[in-house]
Amino acid sequence: MALPGFVYIMASRKNGTIYTGVTSELSQRIWQHREGVIEGFTKQYDCKLLVWFEAFDSIHDARQFEARMKKWNRAWKINRIEERNPDWADLFETLV
């Protein structure tokens, strides 16, 4: 059985800096971003809000979608967020 995957977007605030990532363990990965335990973009730019995510049947499918999404312009990513989360609410609490 394939490992599931998730593509997600973290943000610093509404219409702020955004980061697109992929993981097989969404709750754990978002906790890592929020707590700043991993050096990198999200820690540097204070992207601690989970504003969008999508589940995939396999991590492979998730990685493919993330690669395509990283090529999107910012407006497309913002539209994707606001389709489901117009207030850019932190969705982390919905995971646990």
N, C-alpha and C. Protein backbone atom coordinates (compact mmCIF):
# COMPACT_ATOMS: atom_id res chain seq x y z
N MET A 1 0.84 -1.19 0.00
CA MET A 1 0.00 0.00 0.00
C MET A 1 0.88 1.25 0.00
N ALA A 2 0.52 2.20 -0.82
CA ALA A 2 1.32 3.44 -0.95
C ALA A 2 1.11 4.35 0.25
N LEU A 3 2.16 5.06 0.57
CA LEU A 3 2.10 6.07 1.63
C LEU A 3 1.25 7.23 1.14
N PRO A 4 0.30 7.74 1.94
CA PRO A 4 -0.49 8.89 1.50
C PRO A 4 0.39 10.14 1.46
N GLY A 5 -0.09 11.17 0.82
CA GLY A 5 0.66 12.42 0.74
C GLY A 5 -0.25 13.62 0.86
N PHE A 6 0.36 14.73 1.22
CA PHE A 6 -0.37 15.99 1.37
C PHE A 6 0.45 17.12 0.76
N VAL A 7 -0.22 18.00 0.04
CA VAL A 7 0.38 19.25 -0.40
C VAL A 7 -0.27 20.32 0.47
N TYR A 8 0.53 21.28 0.92
CA TYR A 8 0.00 22.27 1.85
C TYR A 8 0.61 23.64 1.57
N ILE A 9 -0.09 24.67 2.06
CA ILE A 9 0.42 26.04 1.97
C ILE A 9 0.42 26.63 3.36
N MET A 10 1.58 27.16 3.74
CA MET A 10 1.75 27.89 5.00
C MET A 10 1.82 29.37 4.66
N ALA A 11 1.37 30.22 5.58
CA ALA A 11 1.41 31.67 5.36
C ALA A 11 1.84 32.38 6.63
N SER A 12 2.42 33.56 6.45
CA SER A 12 2.82 34.38 7.60
C SER A 12 1.61 35.14 8.15
N ARG A 13 0.67 35.47 7.27
CA ARG A 13 -0.56 36.20 7.62
C ARG A 13 -1.40 36.25 6.35
N LYS A 14 -2.61 36.79 6.44
CA LYS A 14 -3.45 36.91 5.24
C LYS A 14 -2.72 37.78 4.21
N ASN A 15 -2.62 37.28 3.00
CA ASN A 15 -1.92 37.93 1.89
C ASN A 15 -0.44 38.19 2.17
N GLY A 16 0.12 37.45 3.13
CA GLY A 16 1.53 37.59 3.45
C GLY A 16 2.39 36.62 2.65
N THR A 17 3.54 36.31 3.20
CA THR A 17 4.45 35.36 2.58
C THR A 17 3.83 33.97 2.62
N ILE A 18 3.95 33.22 1.52
CA ILE A 18 3.41 31.87 1.48
C ILE A 18 4.50 30.87 1.09
N TYR A 19 4.29 29.64 1.54
CA TYR A 19 5.21 28.54 1.28
C TYR A 19 4.40 27.31 0.91
N THR A 20 4.80 26.63 -0.14
CA THR A 20 4.14 25.40 -0.56
C THR A 20 5.04 24.22 -0.24
N GLY A 21 4.47 23.18 0.38
CA GLY A 21 5.26 22.01 0.74
C GLY A 21 4.50 20.72 0.52
N VAL A 22 5.20 19.61 0.73
CA VAL A 22 4.62 18.27 0.59
C VAL A 22 5.13 17.41 1.72
N THR A 23 4.29 16.51 2.20
CA THR A 23 4.65 15.62 3.31
C THR A 23 3.75 14.41 3.32
N SER A 24 4.20 13.37 4.02
CA SER A 24 3.34 12.20 4.24
C SER A 24 2.72 12.24 5.64
N GLU A 25 3.22 13.13 6.51
CA GLU A 25 2.73 13.27 7.89
C GLU A 25 2.34 14.72 8.13
N LEU A 26 1.13 15.09 7.75
CA LEU A 26 0.74 16.51 7.76
C LEU A 26 0.77 17.13 9.15
N SER A 27 0.15 16.51 10.14
CA SER A 27 0.11 17.11 11.47
C SER A 27 1.51 17.35 12.02
N GLN A 28 2.37 16.35 11.88
CA GLN A 28 3.74 16.46 12.39
C GLN A 28 4.51 17.56 11.66
N ARG A 29 4.38 17.61 10.35
CA ARG A 29 5.13 18.60 9.57
C ARG A 29 4.67 20.02 9.89
N ILE A 30 3.37 20.22 10.02
CA ILE A 30 2.86 21.56 10.33
C ILE A 30 3.31 21.97 11.73
N TRP A 31 3.29 21.04 12.67
CA TRP A 31 3.80 21.33 14.02
C TRP A 31 5.25 21.79 13.94
N GLN A 32 6.07 21.12 13.12
CA GLN A 32 7.47 21.50 12.96
C GLN A 32 7.60 22.93 12.43
N HIS A 33 6.78 23.29 11.46
CA HIS A 33 6.80 24.67 10.94
C HIS A 33 6.40 25.66 12.03
N ARG A 34 5.33 25.35 12.73
CA ARG A 34 4.81 26.26 13.75
C ARG A 34 5.80 26.49 14.88
N GLU A 35 6.50 25.43 15.26
CA GLU A 35 7.45 25.51 16.37
C GLU A 35 8.83 25.99 15.94
N GLY A 36 9.05 26.09 14.64
CA GLY A 36 10.34 26.57 14.13
C GLY A 36 11.49 25.61 14.39
N VAL A 37 11.22 24.31 14.45
CA VAL A 37 12.26 23.35 14.78
C VAL A 37 13.16 23.01 13.59
N ILE A 38 12.75 23.40 12.39
CA ILE A 38 13.56 23.14 11.20
C ILE A 38 13.95 24.48 10.58
N GLU A 39 15.25 24.64 10.36
CA GLU A 39 15.74 25.86 9.72
C GLU A 39 15.24 25.91 8.28
N GLY A 40 14.97 27.10 7.80
CA GLY A 40 14.57 27.23 6.41
C GLY A 40 13.61 28.38 6.19
N PHE A 41 12.97 28.34 5.04
CA PHE A 41 12.12 29.43 4.58
C PHE A 41 11.01 29.76 5.56
N THR A 42 10.27 28.75 6.02
CA THR A 42 9.11 29.03 6.87
C THR A 42 9.53 29.64 8.20
N LYS A 43 10.67 29.22 8.73
CA LYS A 43 11.17 29.81 9.97
C LYS A 43 11.64 31.24 9.73
N GLN A 44 12.37 31.44 8.65
CA GLN A 44 12.90 32.77 8.32
C GLN A 44 11.79 33.79 8.09
N TYR A 45 10.72 33.38 7.43
CA TYR A 45 9.64 34.30 7.08
C TYR A 45 8.41 34.15 7.96
N ASP A 46 8.53 33.41 9.05
CA ASP A 46 7.48 33.28 10.06
C ASP A 46 6.16 32.74 9.49
N CYS A 47 6.26 31.77 8.60
CA CYS A 47 5.07 31.15 8.00
C CYS A 47 4.59 30.05 8.94
N LYS A 48 3.64 30.37 9.80
CA LYS A 48 3.17 29.44 10.82
C LYS A 48 1.70 29.07 10.68
N LEU A 49 1.00 29.66 9.72
CA LEU A 49 -0.42 29.38 9.54
C LEU A 49 -0.62 28.38 8.41
N LEU A 50 -1.28 27.27 8.70
CA LEU A 50 -1.67 26.32 7.66
C LEU A 50 -2.95 26.87 7.05
N VAL A 51 -2.88 27.35 5.80
CA VAL A 51 -4.05 28.00 5.20
C VAL A 51 -4.71 27.16 4.11
N TRP A 52 -4.04 26.09 3.67
CA TRP A 52 -4.61 25.22 2.63
C TRP A 52 -3.87 23.90 2.63
N PHE A 53 -4.59 22.81 2.37
CA PHE A 53 -3.94 21.52 2.14
C PHE A 53 -4.87 20.64 1.33
N GLU A 54 -4.27 19.66 0.69
CA GLU A 54 -5.03 18.68 -0.08
C GLU A 54 -4.38 17.31 0.11
N ALA A 55 -5.20 16.30 0.31
CA ALA A 55 -4.72 14.94 0.50
C ALA A 55 -4.65 14.20 -0.83
N PHE A 56 -3.66 13.31 -0.95
CA PHE A 56 -3.48 12.48 -2.13
C PHE A 56 -3.33 11.03 -1.68
N ASP A 57 -3.70 10.11 -2.54
CA ASP A 57 -3.61 8.69 -2.21
C ASP A 57 -2.17 8.23 -2.04
N SER A 58 -1.23 8.90 -2.72
CA SER A 58 0.17 8.50 -2.60
C SER A 58 1.06 9.73 -2.50
N ILE A 59 2.19 9.56 -1.83
CA ILE A 59 3.16 10.65 -1.71
C ILE A 59 3.71 11.01 -3.09
N HIS A 60 3.78 10.03 -3.97
CA HIS A 60 4.25 10.29 -5.34
C HIS A 60 3.32 11.28 -6.05
N ASP A 61 2.01 11.04 -5.95
CA ASP A 61 1.04 11.95 -6.57
C ASP A 61 1.12 13.34 -5.93
N ALA A 62 1.31 13.38 -4.62
CA ALA A 62 1.42 14.66 -3.93
C ALA A 62 2.65 15.42 -4.40
N ARG A 63 3.77 14.73 -4.54
CA ARG A 63 5.01 15.39 -5.01
C ARG A 63 4.85 15.93 -6.43
N GLN A 64 4.16 15.19 -7.26
CA GLN A 64 3.93 15.65 -8.64
C GLN A 64 3.07 16.92 -8.64
N PHE A 65 2.02 16.92 -7.82
CA PHE A 65 1.15 18.10 -7.76
C PHE A 65 1.91 19.29 -7.18
N GLU A 66 2.70 19.07 -6.14
CA GLU A 66 3.48 20.16 -5.55
C GLU A 66 4.44 20.75 -6.57
N ALA A 67 5.08 19.93 -7.37
CA ALA A 67 6.01 20.42 -8.39
C ALA A 67 5.28 21.32 -9.39
N ARG A 68 4.08 20.91 -9.78
CA ARG A 68 3.28 21.76 -10.70
C ARG A 68 2.88 23.05 -10.00
N MET A 69 2.44 22.93 -8.75
CA MET A 69 1.94 24.09 -8.01
C MET A 69 3.04 25.13 -7.77
N LYS A 70 4.26 24.67 -7.57
CA LYS A 70 5.38 25.60 -7.33
C LYS A 70 5.64 26.48 -8.56
N LYS A 71 5.18 26.03 -9.73
CA LYS A 71 5.33 26.82 -10.96
C LYS A 71 4.20 27.83 -11.15
N TRP A 72 3.14 27.69 -10.35
CA TRP A 72 2.02 28.63 -10.46
C TRP A 72 2.45 30.01 -9.99
N ASN A 73 1.77 31.03 -10.54
CA ASN A 73 2.04 32.36 -10.02
C ASN A 73 1.30 32.56 -8.69
N ARG A 74 1.69 33.59 -7.98
CA ARG A 74 1.13 33.84 -6.64
C ARG A 74 -0.39 33.98 -6.66
N ALA A 75 -0.92 34.66 -7.67
CA ALA A 75 -2.38 34.88 -7.74
C ALA A 75 -3.13 33.55 -7.80
N TRP A 76 -2.61 32.57 -8.53
CA TRP A 76 -3.28 31.27 -8.62
C TRP A 76 -3.28 30.58 -7.26
N LYS A 77 -2.15 30.68 -6.54
CA LYS A 77 -2.08 30.06 -5.21
C LYS A 77 -3.04 30.74 -4.24
N ILE A 78 -3.12 32.06 -4.31
CA ILE A 78 -4.05 32.79 -3.44
C ILE A 78 -5.49 32.41 -3.76
N ASN A 79 -5.81 32.28 -5.04
CA ASN A 79 -7.16 31.83 -5.42
C ASN A 79 -7.45 30.46 -4.85
N ARG A 80 -6.48 29.56 -4.90
CA ARG A 80 -6.66 28.21 -4.37
C ARG A 80 -6.94 28.26 -2.87
N ILE A 81 -6.20 29.10 -2.15
CA ILE A 81 -6.42 29.26 -0.70
C ILE A 81 -7.83 29.79 -0.45
N GLU A 82 -8.18 30.87 -1.13
CA GLU A 82 -9.43 31.58 -0.83
C GLU A 82 -10.68 30.85 -1.30
N GLU A 83 -10.54 29.86 -2.20
CA GLU A 83 -11.69 29.04 -2.58
C GLU A 83 -12.27 28.32 -1.37
N ARG A 84 -11.40 27.84 -0.49
CA ARG A 84 -11.83 27.06 0.67
C ARG A 84 -11.63 27.79 1.99
N ASN A 85 -10.78 28.81 2.01
CA ASN A 85 -10.42 29.46 3.26
C ASN A 85 -10.30 30.97 3.04
N PRO A 86 -11.41 31.65 2.77
CA PRO A 86 -11.35 33.07 2.41
C PRO A 86 -10.76 33.97 3.49
N ASP A 87 -10.84 33.54 4.74
CA ASP A 87 -10.29 34.36 5.84
C ASP A 87 -8.85 33.99 6.20
N TRP A 88 -8.29 33.02 5.50
CA TRP A 88 -6.93 32.54 5.77
C TRP A 88 -6.81 32.06 7.22
N ALA A 89 -7.85 31.40 7.71
CA ALA A 89 -7.83 30.88 9.08
C ALA A 89 -6.78 29.78 9.18
N ASP A 90 -6.20 29.62 10.36
CA ASP A 90 -5.22 28.57 10.60
C ASP A 90 -5.96 27.23 10.70
N LEU A 91 -5.67 26.32 9.79
CA LEU A 91 -6.37 25.03 9.72
C LEU A 91 -5.71 23.96 10.58
N PHE A 92 -4.64 24.28 11.27
CA PHE A 92 -3.91 23.28 12.06
C PHE A 92 -4.82 22.59 13.06
N GLU A 93 -5.67 23.34 13.72
CA GLU A 93 -6.55 22.76 14.74
C GLU A 93 -7.54 21.74 14.15
N THR A 94 -7.81 21.82 12.87
CA THR A 94 -8.72 20.85 12.24
C THR A 94 -8.03 19.51 12.02
N LEU A 95 -6.71 19.46 12.17
CA LEU A 95 -5.97 18.22 11.93
C LEU A 95 -5.90 17.33 13.16
N VAL A 96 -5.98 17.94 14.35
CA VAL A 96 -5.76 17.17 15.59
C VAL A 96 -7.04 16.88 16.33
